[in-house]
Amino acid sequence: MEINIYLDKYKEVRYNFFRWRYELNVVYKLSLALTFACLTGLLAQLRFYLPGTPVPVTGQVFGVLFAGVILGAWGGVSQCMYIGIGAAGLPWFAGFNGGLAYLAGPTGGYLLGFVITSFFIGYIVDRYIHSRNFLPMFSIMLFSTFTLIYIPGLIQLYLWMGSSVGIWELITMAVLPFIAADIIKAAIAAGIATTITPKDSYGKELDI
């Protein structure tokens, strides 16, 4: 049937892209990493604040998750670029902020979590074909968001606010208001990632 022809063509295109990305030299991988750093900076401007918390809801997480899916472990490099260039003064952190002072602010820990998350997701996606299905992908993204991003973010927020803030108060301020939105983000990202990632080996997968 004609639809099967188009489906097979799509599978071929996505496989060829990931195979091409996997075999790129360092210069081209750095170029792709910079592209996703820019995308993260753009998505960072999609933000709004919930009552009672200094931490905004932003679109950055999509950039972080997809950097890992598309770039593999080089997704972590893209987020290092995002942080480094922003710290140097380019105003592409949330709210068009930039500079070292922003990293020392209430949301600086989340930025560190972006690097760890993107690297972790990229490593898993590149190494395990099974991870490219929806449920494993959704689980990986939830785990990354709730541990690799939240924990560094909470630690720095606690240090920034001072010891007068209790742990439960910190959680109700910087975790509970975001859980529903982050679950939705992870589900959307996992659905898209499942569609765009090949289900065949394009590198050195361990579960072939």
C-alpha atoms as a PDB file:
ATOM      1  CA  MET A   1       0.000   0.000   0.000  1.00  0.00           C
ATOM      2  CA  GLU A   2       1.078   3.586  -0.653  1.00  0.00           C
ATOM      3  CA  ILE A   3       1.051   4.510   3.041  1.00  0.00           C
ATOM      4  CA  ASN A   4       3.513   1.696   3.762  1.00  0.00           C
ATOM      5  CA  ILE A   5       5.845   3.083   1.107  1.00  0.00           C
ATOM      6  CA  TYR A   6       5.848   6.490   2.793  1.00  0.00           C
ATOM      7  CA  LEU A   7       6.284   4.892   6.204  1.00  0.00           C
ATOM      8  CA  ASP A   8       9.267   2.887   5.022  1.00  0.00           C
ATOM      9  CA  LYS A   9      10.760   6.004   3.455  1.00  0.00           C
ATOM     10  CA  TYR A  10      10.348   7.891   6.731  1.00  0.00           C
ATOM     11  CA  LYS A  11      12.054   5.097   8.664  1.00  0.00           C
ATOM     12  CA  GLU A  12      14.915   5.173   6.188  1.00  0.00           C
ATOM     13  CA  VAL A  13      15.297   8.949   6.500  1.00  0.00           C
ATOM     14  CA  ARG A  14      15.359   8.933  10.309  1.00  0.00           C
ATOM     15  CA  TYR A  15      17.825   6.033  10.366  1.00  0.00           C
ATOM     16  CA  ASN A  16      20.117   7.791   7.887  1.00  0.00           C
ATOM     17  CA  PHE A  17      20.008  10.985   9.956  1.00  0.00           C
ATOM     18  CA  PHE A  18      20.986   9.284  13.195  1.00  0.00           C
ATOM     19  CA  ARG A  19      23.647   7.223  11.464  1.00  0.00           C
ATOM     20  CA  TRP A  20      25.005  10.429   9.884  1.00  0.00           C
ATOM     21  CA  ARG A  21      24.960  12.214  13.250  1.00  0.00           C
ATOM     22  CA  TYR A  22      26.688   9.316  14.961  1.00  0.00           C
ATOM     23  CA  GLU A  23      29.526   9.317  12.423  1.00  0.00           C
ATOM     24  CA  LEU A  24      30.100  13.093  12.322  1.00  0.00           C
ATOM     25  CA  ASN A  25      33.487  14.516  13.193  1.00  0.00           C
ATOM     26  CA  VAL A  26      33.997  16.729  16.231  1.00  0.00           C
ATOM     27  CA  VAL A  27      33.603  20.025  14.348  1.00  0.00           C
ATOM     28  CA  TYR A  28      30.159  19.135  13.014  1.00  0.00           C
ATOM     29  CA  LYS A  29      29.061  17.701  16.366  1.00  0.00           C
ATOM     30  CA  LEU A  30      30.070  20.971  18.023  1.00  0.00           C
ATOM     31  CA  SER A  31      28.018  22.828  15.419  1.00  0.00           C
ATOM     32  CA  LEU A  32      24.954  20.715  16.193  1.00  0.00           C
ATOM     33  CA  ALA A  33      25.564  21.192  19.915  1.00  0.00           C
ATOM     34  CA  LEU A  34      25.638  24.966  19.435  1.00  0.00           C
ATOM     35  CA  THR A  35      22.376  24.754  17.488  1.00  0.00           C
ATOM     36  CA  PHE A  36      20.671  23.042  20.421  1.00  0.00           C
ATOM     37  CA  ALA A  37      22.213  25.507  22.848  1.00  0.00           C
ATOM     38  CA  CYS A  38      20.516  28.243  20.826  1.00  0.00           C
ATOM     39  CA  LEU A  39      17.247  26.296  20.831  1.00  0.00           C
ATOM     40  CA  THR A  40      17.410  25.967  24.616  1.00  0.00           C
ATOM     41  CA  GLY A  41      18.021  29.704  24.893  1.00  0.00           C
ATOM     42  CA  LEU A  42      15.005  30.389  22.709  1.00  0.00           C
ATOM     43  CA  LEU A  43      12.747  28.041  24.670  1.00  0.00           C
ATOM     44  CA  ALA A  44      13.943  29.622  27.916  1.00  0.00           C
ATOM     45  CA  GLN A  45      11.998  32.753  27.014  1.00  0.00           C
ATOM     46  CA  LEU A  46       8.736  30.802  27.163  1.00  0.00           C
ATOM     47  CA  ARG A  47       8.192  31.240  30.888  1.00  0.00           C
ATOM     48  CA  PHE A  48       5.690  32.182  33.554  1.00  0.00           C
ATOM     49  CA  TYR A  49       5.733  32.242  37.339  1.00  0.00           C
ATOM     50  CA  LEU A  50       3.438  30.376  39.683  1.00  0.00           C
ATOM     51  CA  PRO A  51       2.398  32.049  42.951  1.00  0.00           C
ATOM     52  CA  GLY A  52       4.784  31.583  45.872  1.00  0.00           C
ATOM     53  CA  THR A  53       7.903  30.374  44.058  1.00  0.00           C
ATOM     54  CA  PRO A  54      10.931  32.139  42.532  1.00  0.00           C
ATOM     55  CA  VAL A  55      11.335  29.292  40.030  1.00  0.00           C
ATOM     56  CA  PRO A  56       9.512  29.848  36.721  1.00  0.00           C
ATOM     57  CA  VAL A  57       7.906  27.297  34.450  1.00  0.00           C
ATOM     58  CA  THR A  58       9.863  27.445  31.184  1.00  0.00           C
ATOM     59  CA  GLY A  59      10.199  25.639  27.876  1.00  0.00           C
ATOM     60  CA  GLN A  60      13.892  24.932  28.481  1.00  0.00           C
ATOM     61  CA  VAL A  61      13.256  21.353  29.514  1.00  0.00           C
ATOM     62  CA  PHE A  62      12.115  20.499  25.982  1.00  0.00           C
ATOM     63  CA  GLY A  63      15.427  21.764  24.615  1.00  0.00           C
ATOM     64  CA  VAL A  64      17.328  19.757  27.218  1.00  0.00           C
ATOM     65  CA  LEU A  65      15.433  16.513  26.561  1.00  0.00           C
ATOM     66  CA  PHE A  66      15.598  16.751  22.794  1.00  0.00           C
ATOM     67  CA  ALA A  67      19.287  17.685  22.835  1.00  0.00           C
ATOM     68  CA  GLY A  68      19.928  14.307  24.425  1.00  0.00           C
ATOM     69  CA  VAL A  69      17.625  12.427  22.063  1.00  0.00           C
ATOM     70  CA  ILE A  70      18.970  14.022  18.881  1.00  0.00           C
ATOM     71  CA  LEU A  71      22.640  14.500  19.775  1.00  0.00           C
ATOM     72  CA  GLY A  72      23.282  11.541  22.042  1.00  0.00           C
ATOM     73  CA  ALA A  73      25.787  12.231  24.816  1.00  0.00           C
ATOM     74  CA  TRP A  74      26.764  15.389  22.924  1.00  0.00           C
ATOM     75  CA  GLY A  75      23.499  16.805  24.222  1.00  0.00           C
ATOM     76  CA  GLY A  76      25.415  17.414  27.434  1.00  0.00           C
ATOM     77  CA  VAL A  77      27.938  19.447  25.459  1.00  0.00           C
ATOM     78  CA  SER A  78      25.111  21.568  24.051  1.00  0.00           C
ATOM     79  CA  GLN A  79      23.946  22.420  27.554  1.00  0.00           C
ATOM     80  CA  CYS A  80      27.504  23.202  28.654  1.00  0.00           C
ATOM     81  CA  MET A  81      27.602  25.654  25.755  1.00  0.00           C
ATOM     82  CA  TYR A  82      24.267  27.090  26.805  1.00  0.00           C
ATOM     83  CA  ILE A  83      25.508  27.703  30.336  1.00  0.00           C
ATOM     84  CA  GLY A  84      28.991  28.856  29.356  1.00  0.00           C
ATOM     85  CA  ILE A  85      27.873  31.342  26.720  1.00  0.00           C
ATOM     86  CA  GLY A  86      25.116  32.620  28.984  1.00  0.00           C
ATOM     87  CA  ALA A  87      27.569  33.025  31.869  1.00  0.00           C
ATOM     88  CA  ALA A  88      29.819  35.008  29.529  1.00  0.00           C
ATOM     89  CA  GLY A  89      27.003  37.529  29.160  1.00  0.00           C
ATOM     90  CA  LEU A  90      24.740  36.483  26.294  1.00  0.00           C
ATOM     91  CA  PRO A  91      21.199  37.167  27.602  1.00  0.00           C
ATOM     92  CA  TRP A  92      19.566  33.874  26.699  1.00  0.00           C
ATOM     93  CA  PHE A  93      18.761  32.512  30.136  1.00  0.00           C
ATOM     94  CA  ALA A  94      15.105  32.776  31.167  1.00  0.00           C
ATOM     95  CA  GLY A  95      13.845  36.349  31.016  1.00  0.00           C
ATOM     96  CA  PHE A  96      16.700  37.410  28.706  1.00  0.00           C
ATOM     97  CA  ASN A  97      19.184  37.215  31.563  1.00  0.00           C
ATOM     98  CA  GLY A  98      22.878  36.422  31.345  1.00  0.00           C
ATOM     99  CA  GLY A  99      26.101  36.608  33.321  1.00  0.00           C
ATOM    100  CA  LEU A 100      27.719  34.751  36.188  1.00  0.00           C
ATOM    101  CA  ALA A 101      25.393  36.334  38.726  1.00  0.00           C
ATOM    102  CA  TYR A 102      22.447  34.447  37.210  1.00  0.00           C
ATOM    103  CA  LEU A 103      24.185  31.120  37.845  1.00  0.00           C
ATOM    104  CA  ALA A 104      24.444  32.041  41.526  1.00  0.00           C
ATOM    105  CA  GLY A 105      20.728  32.852  41.679  1.00  0.00           C
ATOM    106  CA  PRO A 106      17.776  30.664  42.693  1.00  0.00           C
ATOM    107  CA  THR A 107      17.630  28.709  39.431  1.00  0.00           C
ATOM    108  CA  GLY A 108      21.350  28.125  38.867  1.00  0.00           C
ATOM    109  CA  GLY A 109      21.210  24.551  40.130  1.00  0.00           C
ATOM    110  CA  TYR A 110      18.623  23.616  37.533  1.00  0.00           C
ATOM    111  CA  LEU A 111      21.063  24.654  34.816  1.00  0.00           C
ATOM    112  CA  LEU A 112      23.624  22.186  36.146  1.00  0.00           C
ATOM    113  CA  GLY A 113      20.888  19.571  36.074  1.00  0.00           C
ATOM    114  CA  PHE A 114      20.302  20.353  32.395  1.00  0.00           C
ATOM    115  CA  VAL A 115      23.833  19.250  31.546  1.00  0.00           C
ATOM    116  CA  ILE A 116      23.582  16.001  33.500  1.00  0.00           C
ATOM    117  CA  THR A 117      20.120  15.204  32.130  1.00  0.00           C
ATOM    118  CA  SER A 118      20.945  15.797  28.491  1.00  0.00           C
ATOM    119  CA  PHE A 119      24.119  13.719  28.733  1.00  0.00           C
ATOM    120  CA  PHE A 120      22.308  10.892  30.540  1.00  0.00           C
ATOM    121  CA  ILE A 121      19.403  10.718  28.101  1.00  0.00           C
ATOM    122  CA  GLY A 122      21.745  10.894  25.130  1.00  0.00           C
ATOM    123  CA  TYR A 123      23.929   8.109  26.452  1.00  0.00           C
ATOM    124  CA  ILE A 124      20.941   5.817  27.087  1.00  0.00           C
ATOM    125  CA  VAL A 125      19.307   6.518  23.706  1.00  0.00           C
ATOM    126  CA  ASP A 126      22.552   5.860  21.841  1.00  0.00           C
ATOM    127  CA  ARG A 127      23.338   2.655  23.741  1.00  0.00           C
ATOM    128  CA  TYR A 128      19.958   0.917  24.051  1.00  0.00           C
ATOM    129  CA  ILE A 129      17.546   0.427  21.166  1.00  0.00           C
ATOM    130  CA  HIS A 130      14.807  -0.575  23.604  1.00  0.00           C
ATOM    131  CA  SER A 131      14.969   2.880  25.216  1.00  0.00           C
ATOM    132  CA  ARG A 132      13.595   4.403  22.000  1.00  0.00           C
ATOM    133  CA  ASN A 133      10.106   3.030  22.670  1.00  0.00           C
ATOM    134  CA  PHE A 134       7.530   5.183  24.439  1.00  0.00           C
ATOM    135  CA  LEU A 135       7.343   3.679  27.933  1.00  0.00           C
ATOM    136  CA  PRO A 136      11.121   3.397  28.446  1.00  0.00           C
ATOM    137  CA  MET A 137      11.600   6.886  26.985  1.00  0.00           C
ATOM    138  CA  PHE A 138       8.870   8.341  29.188  1.00  0.00           C
ATOM    139  CA  SER A 139      10.384   6.658  32.249  1.00  0.00           C
ATOM    140  CA  ILE A 140      13.866   7.944  31.441  1.00  0.00           C
ATOM    141  CA  MET A 141      12.591  11.483  30.988  1.00  0.00           C
ATOM    142  CA  LEU A 142      10.581  11.408  34.221  1.00  0.00           C
ATOM    143  CA  PHE A 143      13.555  10.036  36.140  1.00  0.00           C
ATOM    144  CA  SER A 144      15.846  12.671  34.651  1.00  0.00           C
ATOM    145  CA  THR A 145      13.477  15.528  35.412  1.00  0.00           C
ATOM    146  CA  PHE A 146      12.606  14.508  38.972  1.00  0.00           C
ATOM    147  CA  THR A 147      16.137  13.582  40.048  1.00  0.00           C
ATOM    148  CA  LEU A 148      18.852  14.944  37.775  1.00  0.00           C
ATOM    149  CA  ILE A 149      17.201  18.368  37.392  1.00  0.00           C
ATOM    150  CA  TYR A 150      15.190  18.785  40.598  1.00  0.00           C
ATOM    151  CA  ILE A 151      17.899  17.724  43.061  1.00  0.00           C
ATOM    152  CA  PRO A 152      20.659  20.149  41.936  1.00  0.00           C
ATOM    153  CA  GLY A 153      17.991  22.827  41.620  1.00  0.00           C
ATOM    154  CA  LEU A 154      16.709  22.252  45.152  1.00  0.00           C
ATOM    155  CA  ILE A 155      20.201  22.250  46.620  1.00  0.00           C
ATOM    156  CA  GLN A 156      21.104  25.617  45.127  1.00  0.00           C
ATOM    157  CA  LEU A 157      17.701  27.113  45.926  1.00  0.00           C
ATOM    158  CA  TYR A 158      18.164  26.022  49.547  1.00  0.00           C
ATOM    159  CA  LEU A 159      21.604  27.655  49.682  1.00  0.00           C
ATOM    160  CA  TRP A 160      20.278  30.813  48.027  1.00  0.00           C
ATOM    161  CA  MET A 161      17.309  31.171  50.389  1.00  0.00           C
ATOM    162  CA  GLY A 162      19.247  30.321  53.528  1.00  0.00           C
ATOM    163  CA  SER A 163      18.838  27.712  56.228  1.00  0.00           C
ATOM    164  CA  SER A 164      15.683  29.375  57.543  1.00  0.00           C
ATOM    165  CA  VAL A 165      13.713  27.521  54.857  1.00  0.00           C
ATOM    166  CA  GLY A 166      12.681  23.985  55.797  1.00  0.00           C
ATOM    167  CA  ILE A 167      12.967  21.028  53.441  1.00  0.00           C
ATOM    168  CA  TRP A 168       9.193  20.562  53.173  1.00  0.00           C
ATOM    169  CA  GLU A 169       8.679  24.264  52.523  1.00  0.00           C
ATOM    170  CA  LEU A 170      11.316  24.069  49.810  1.00  0.00           C
ATOM    171  CA  ILE A 171       9.605  21.070  48.191  1.00  0.00           C
ATOM    172  CA  THR A 172       6.185  22.735  48.258  1.00  0.00           C
ATOM    173  CA  MET A 173       7.744  25.802  46.661  1.00  0.00           C
ATOM    174  CA  ALA A 174      10.010  24.273  44.014  1.00  0.00           C
ATOM    175  CA  VAL A 175       8.732  20.752  43.319  1.00  0.00           C
ATOM    176  CA  LEU A 176       5.025  20.204  43.947  1.00  0.00           C
ATOM    177  CA  PRO A 177       3.779  23.087  41.747  1.00  0.00           C
ATOM    178  CA  PHE A 178       5.727  21.724  38.761  1.00  0.00           C
ATOM    179  CA  ILE A 179       5.030  17.993  38.910  1.00  0.00           C
ATOM    180  CA  ALA A 180       1.921  17.965  36.705  1.00  0.00           C
ATOM    181  CA  ALA A 181       3.471  20.241  34.071  1.00  0.00           C
ATOM    182  CA  ASP A 182       6.690  18.209  33.987  1.00  0.00           C
ATOM    183  CA  ILE A 183       4.809  14.926  33.600  1.00  0.00           C
ATOM    184  CA  ILE A 184       2.969  16.421  30.618  1.00  0.00           C
ATOM    185  CA  LYS A 185       6.245  17.735  29.176  1.00  0.00           C
ATOM    186  CA  ALA A 186       7.868  14.322  29.563  1.00  0.00           C
ATOM    187  CA  ALA A 187       4.910  12.574  27.907  1.00  0.00           C
ATOM    188  CA  ILE A 188       4.944  14.958  24.941  1.00  0.00           C
ATOM    189  CA  ALA A 189       8.710  14.771  24.573  1.00  0.00           C
ATOM    190  CA  ALA A 190       8.698  10.978  24.868  1.00  0.00           C
ATOM    191  CA  GLY A 191       5.976  10.682  22.234  1.00  0.00           C
ATOM    192  CA  ILE A 192       7.886  12.830  19.771  1.00  0.00           C
ATOM    193  CA  ALA A 193      11.211  11.145  20.593  1.00  0.00           C
ATOM    194  CA  THR A 194       9.692   7.708  20.041  1.00  0.00           C
ATOM    195  CA  THR A 195       8.516   8.794  16.610  1.00  0.00           C
ATOM    196  CA  ILE A 196      11.794  10.326  15.448  1.00  0.00           C
ATOM    197  CA  THR A 197      14.291   7.756  16.754  1.00  0.00           C
ATOM    198  CA  PRO A 198      15.161   4.656  14.693  1.00  0.00           C
ATOM    199  CA  LYS A 199      14.471   1.222  16.115  1.00  0.00           C
ATOM    200  CA  ASP A 200      17.550  -0.270  14.444  1.00  0.00           C
ATOM    201  CA  SER A 201      21.196  -0.053  15.440  1.00  0.00           C
ATOM    202  CA  TYR A 202      23.071   2.969  14.065  1.00  0.00           C
ATOM    203  CA  GLY A 203      26.082   2.820  16.377  1.00  0.00           C
ATOM    204  CA  LYS A 204      27.414   0.608  19.156  1.00  0.00           C
ATOM    205  CA  GLU A 205      24.200  -0.346  20.900  1.00  0.00           C
ATOM    206  CA  LEU A 206      24.461  -2.931  23.666  1.00  0.00           C
ATOM    207  CA  ASP A 207      21.061  -4.597  23.210  1.00  0.00           C
ATOM    208  CA  ILE A 208      21.264  -5.587  19.545  1.00  0.00           C
END
